[in-house]
Amino acid sequence: MQEIQCPKCSNENISKSGIISGRQRYKCKNCNYHFSVAKLGKSIDKYYVIKALQLYLEGISLREIERIIGVSHV
């Protein structure tokens, strides 16, 4: 299990402190700072990002790059 740390003081002594907008809030017992854990989104491999930029600089359209690499143009 990943330990959650306070973003202000990096202390691991925290407690749950309610839910706001569907996200768990926490309170640091050391500095009394309230925070939410950052949402983890989808990550794209850096290889695909670099390859897409190279193709874009070559003048290939975004939709064609989508077909070549196999990722969404959005």
N, C-alpha and C. Protein backbone atom coordinates (compact mmCIF):
# COMPACT_ATOMS: atom_id res chain seq x y z
N MET A 1 0.84 -1.19 0.00
CA MET A 1 0.00 0.00 0.00
C MET A 1 0.88 1.25 0.00
N GLN A 2 0.51 2.22 -0.81
CA GLN A 2 1.28 3.45 -0.90
C GLN A 2 0.94 4.36 0.27
N GLU A 3 1.97 4.84 0.95
CA GLU A 3 1.76 5.75 2.06
C GLU A 3 1.50 7.15 1.51
N ILE A 4 0.48 7.80 2.03
CA ILE A 4 0.14 9.16 1.63
C ILE A 4 0.89 10.12 2.52
N GLN A 5 1.50 11.13 1.90
CA GLN A 5 2.26 12.12 2.64
C GLN A 5 1.61 13.49 2.50
N CYS A 6 1.80 14.31 3.50
CA CYS A 6 1.32 15.69 3.46
C CYS A 6 2.16 16.45 2.42
N PRO A 7 1.50 17.15 1.47
CA PRO A 7 2.27 17.89 0.46
C PRO A 7 2.99 19.11 1.03
N LYS A 8 2.59 19.54 2.22
CA LYS A 8 3.19 20.74 2.82
C LYS A 8 4.43 20.40 3.65
N CYS A 9 4.32 19.35 4.50
CA CYS A 9 5.44 19.04 5.40
C CYS A 9 6.01 17.64 5.19
N SER A 10 5.46 16.86 4.26
CA SER A 10 5.91 15.50 3.94
C SER A 10 5.78 14.53 5.10
N ASN A 11 4.91 14.83 6.03
CA ASN A 11 4.67 13.94 7.17
C ASN A 11 3.69 12.85 6.75
N GLU A 12 3.87 11.62 7.25
CA GLU A 12 2.98 10.51 6.93
C GLU A 12 1.91 10.30 7.99
N ASN A 13 1.91 11.12 9.02
CA ASN A 13 0.93 11.01 10.10
C ASN A 13 -0.31 11.82 9.73
N ILE A 14 -1.23 11.19 8.96
CA ILE A 14 -2.42 11.88 8.48
C ILE A 14 -3.66 11.09 8.84
N SER A 15 -4.81 11.74 8.73
CA SER A 15 -6.09 11.07 8.97
C SER A 15 -7.08 11.50 7.90
N LYS A 16 -8.09 10.64 7.67
CA LYS A 16 -9.13 10.98 6.70
C LYS A 16 -9.98 12.11 7.26
N SER A 17 -10.43 13.00 6.36
CA SER A 17 -11.17 14.17 6.82
C SER A 17 -12.32 14.50 5.87
N GLY A 18 -13.12 13.49 5.52
CA GLY A 18 -14.29 13.73 4.69
C GLY A 18 -14.05 13.51 3.22
N ILE A 19 -15.12 13.73 2.44
CA ILE A 19 -15.07 13.57 0.99
C ILE A 19 -15.65 14.82 0.36
N ILE A 20 -14.95 15.37 -0.63
CA ILE A 20 -15.42 16.54 -1.36
C ILE A 20 -15.36 16.23 -2.84
N SER A 21 -16.47 16.41 -3.54
CA SER A 21 -16.58 16.14 -4.98
C SER A 21 -16.15 14.71 -5.32
N GLY A 22 -16.46 13.78 -4.45
CA GLY A 22 -16.13 12.38 -4.69
C GLY A 22 -14.68 12.01 -4.44
N ARG A 23 -13.90 12.93 -3.90
CA ARG A 23 -12.49 12.68 -3.63
C ARG A 23 -12.23 12.72 -2.13
N GLN A 24 -11.45 11.77 -1.66
CA GLN A 24 -11.11 11.69 -0.25
C GLN A 24 -10.24 12.86 0.17
N ARG A 25 -10.60 13.50 1.28
CA ARG A 25 -9.78 14.58 1.85
C ARG A 25 -9.02 14.02 3.04
N TYR A 26 -7.85 14.59 3.28
CA TYR A 26 -7.01 14.17 4.39
C TYR A 26 -6.59 15.39 5.20
N LYS A 27 -6.22 15.14 6.46
CA LYS A 27 -5.73 16.20 7.33
C LYS A 27 -4.42 15.73 7.95
N CYS A 28 -3.41 16.56 7.82
CA CYS A 28 -2.12 16.25 8.41
C CYS A 28 -2.19 16.53 9.91
N LYS A 29 -1.78 15.55 10.71
CA LYS A 29 -1.82 15.73 12.17
C LYS A 29 -0.65 16.57 12.68
N ASN A 30 0.34 16.78 11.82
CA ASN A 30 1.51 17.55 12.21
C ASN A 30 1.29 19.06 12.00
N CYS A 31 0.80 19.44 10.80
CA CYS A 31 0.67 20.87 10.49
C CYS A 31 -0.79 21.30 10.28
N ASN A 32 -1.76 20.40 10.49
CA ASN A 32 -3.19 20.67 10.35
C ASN A 32 -3.59 21.12 8.94
N TYR A 33 -2.86 20.69 7.93
CA TYR A 33 -3.13 21.05 6.54
C TYR A 33 -4.13 20.06 5.94
N HIS A 34 -5.17 20.58 5.29
CA HIS A 34 -6.16 19.73 4.62
C HIS A 34 -5.78 19.63 3.14
N PHE A 35 -5.86 18.40 2.58
CA PHE A 35 -5.50 18.21 1.18
C PHE A 35 -6.21 16.99 0.62
N SER A 36 -6.25 16.91 -0.70
CA SER A 36 -6.76 15.76 -1.42
C SER A 36 -5.62 15.16 -2.22
N VAL A 37 -5.66 13.87 -2.42
CA VAL A 37 -4.62 13.22 -3.20
C VAL A 37 -4.88 13.50 -4.67
N ALA A 38 -3.83 13.78 -5.40
CA ALA A 38 -3.95 14.10 -6.83
C ALA A 38 -4.50 12.91 -7.58
N LYS A 39 -5.36 13.19 -8.53
CA LYS A 39 -5.96 12.15 -9.35
C LYS A 39 -4.94 11.63 -10.35
N LEU A 40 -4.83 10.32 -10.43
CA LEU A 40 -3.91 9.71 -11.38
C LEU A 40 -4.65 9.49 -12.69
N GLY A 41 -4.15 10.10 -13.74
CA GLY A 41 -4.78 9.95 -15.05
C GLY A 41 -4.03 8.95 -15.91
N LYS A 42 -4.46 8.82 -17.12
CA LYS A 42 -3.78 7.94 -18.05
C LYS A 42 -2.45 8.55 -18.44
N SER A 43 -1.44 7.71 -18.54
CA SER A 43 -0.14 8.21 -18.97
C SER A 43 0.20 7.58 -20.31
N ILE A 44 0.85 8.35 -21.15
CA ILE A 44 1.25 7.88 -22.47
C ILE A 44 2.76 7.70 -22.46
N ASP A 45 3.20 6.61 -23.02
CA ASP A 45 4.62 6.32 -23.10
C ASP A 45 5.33 7.44 -23.85
N LYS A 46 6.47 7.88 -23.34
CA LYS A 46 7.20 8.99 -23.95
C LYS A 46 7.63 8.69 -25.37
N TYR A 47 7.82 7.43 -25.69
CA TYR A 47 8.20 7.05 -27.06
C TYR A 47 7.13 7.52 -28.04
N TYR A 48 5.86 7.29 -27.71
CA TYR A 48 4.76 7.67 -28.60
C TYR A 48 4.63 9.19 -28.72
N VAL A 49 4.89 9.90 -27.64
CA VAL A 49 4.82 11.36 -27.67
C VAL A 49 5.90 11.91 -28.59
N ILE A 50 7.11 11.43 -28.43
CA ILE A 50 8.22 11.90 -29.26
C ILE A 50 8.00 11.54 -30.72
N LYS A 51 7.54 10.30 -30.97
CA LYS A 51 7.29 9.87 -32.34
C LYS A 51 6.20 10.71 -32.98
N ALA A 52 5.12 11.03 -32.24
CA ALA A 52 4.04 11.84 -32.76
C ALA A 52 4.53 13.25 -33.09
N LEU A 53 5.36 13.82 -32.23
CA LEU A 53 5.90 15.16 -32.49
C LEU A 53 6.81 15.16 -33.72
N GLN A 54 7.61 14.11 -33.87
CA GLN A 54 8.48 14.02 -35.04
C GLN A 54 7.66 13.95 -36.32
N LEU A 55 6.61 13.14 -36.31
CA LEU A 55 5.75 13.01 -37.48
C LEU A 55 5.02 14.32 -37.77
N TYR A 56 4.60 15.01 -36.72
CA TYR A 56 3.90 16.28 -36.88
C TYR A 56 4.82 17.33 -37.52
N LEU A 57 6.06 17.34 -37.08
CA LEU A 57 7.03 18.29 -37.65
C LEU A 57 7.37 17.95 -39.10
N GLU A 58 7.17 16.70 -39.50
CA GLU A 58 7.38 16.30 -40.89
C GLU A 58 6.22 16.74 -41.78
N GLY A 59 5.12 17.24 -41.16
CA GLY A 59 3.99 17.73 -41.94
C GLY A 59 2.85 16.75 -42.07
N ILE A 60 2.87 15.68 -41.29
CA ILE A 60 1.80 14.68 -41.35
C ILE A 60 0.65 15.16 -40.47
N SER A 61 -0.58 14.95 -40.94
CA SER A 61 -1.75 15.42 -40.19
C SER A 61 -1.93 14.61 -38.90
N LEU A 62 -2.67 15.20 -37.97
CA LEU A 62 -2.89 14.55 -36.68
C LEU A 62 -3.64 13.23 -36.84
N ARG A 63 -4.62 13.21 -37.73
CA ARG A 63 -5.39 11.97 -37.93
C ARG A 63 -4.53 10.88 -38.57
N GLU A 64 -3.64 11.26 -39.44
CA GLU A 64 -2.73 10.27 -40.04
C GLU A 64 -1.75 9.74 -39.00
N ILE A 65 -1.29 10.62 -38.12
CA ILE A 65 -0.41 10.19 -37.02
C ILE A 65 -1.15 9.21 -36.12
N GLU A 66 -2.43 9.48 -35.90
CA GLU A 66 -3.26 8.58 -35.09
C GLU A 66 -3.28 7.19 -35.70
N ARG A 67 -3.44 7.12 -37.02
CA ARG A 67 -3.49 5.82 -37.69
C ARG A 67 -2.14 5.11 -37.65
N ILE A 68 -1.05 5.86 -37.82
CA ILE A 68 0.29 5.28 -37.85
C ILE A 68 0.69 4.72 -36.49
N ILE A 69 0.51 5.54 -35.45
CA ILE A 69 0.96 5.17 -34.11
C ILE A 69 -0.04 4.25 -33.40
N GLY A 70 -1.32 4.47 -33.67
CA GLY A 70 -2.34 3.64 -33.04
C GLY A 70 -2.87 4.21 -31.75
N VAL A 71 -2.78 5.53 -31.58
CA VAL A 71 -3.34 6.21 -30.41
C VAL A 71 -4.34 7.24 -30.87
N SER A 72 -5.21 7.67 -29.97
CA SER A 72 -6.23 8.65 -30.31
C SER A 72 -5.60 10.02 -30.58
N HIS A 73 -6.13 10.73 -31.57
CA HIS A 73 -5.62 12.06 -31.88
C HIS A 73 -6.07 13.10 -30.85
N VAL A 74 -7.03 12.74 -30.04
CA VAL A 74 -7.55 13.66 -29.03
C VAL A 74 -6.53 13.75 -27.92
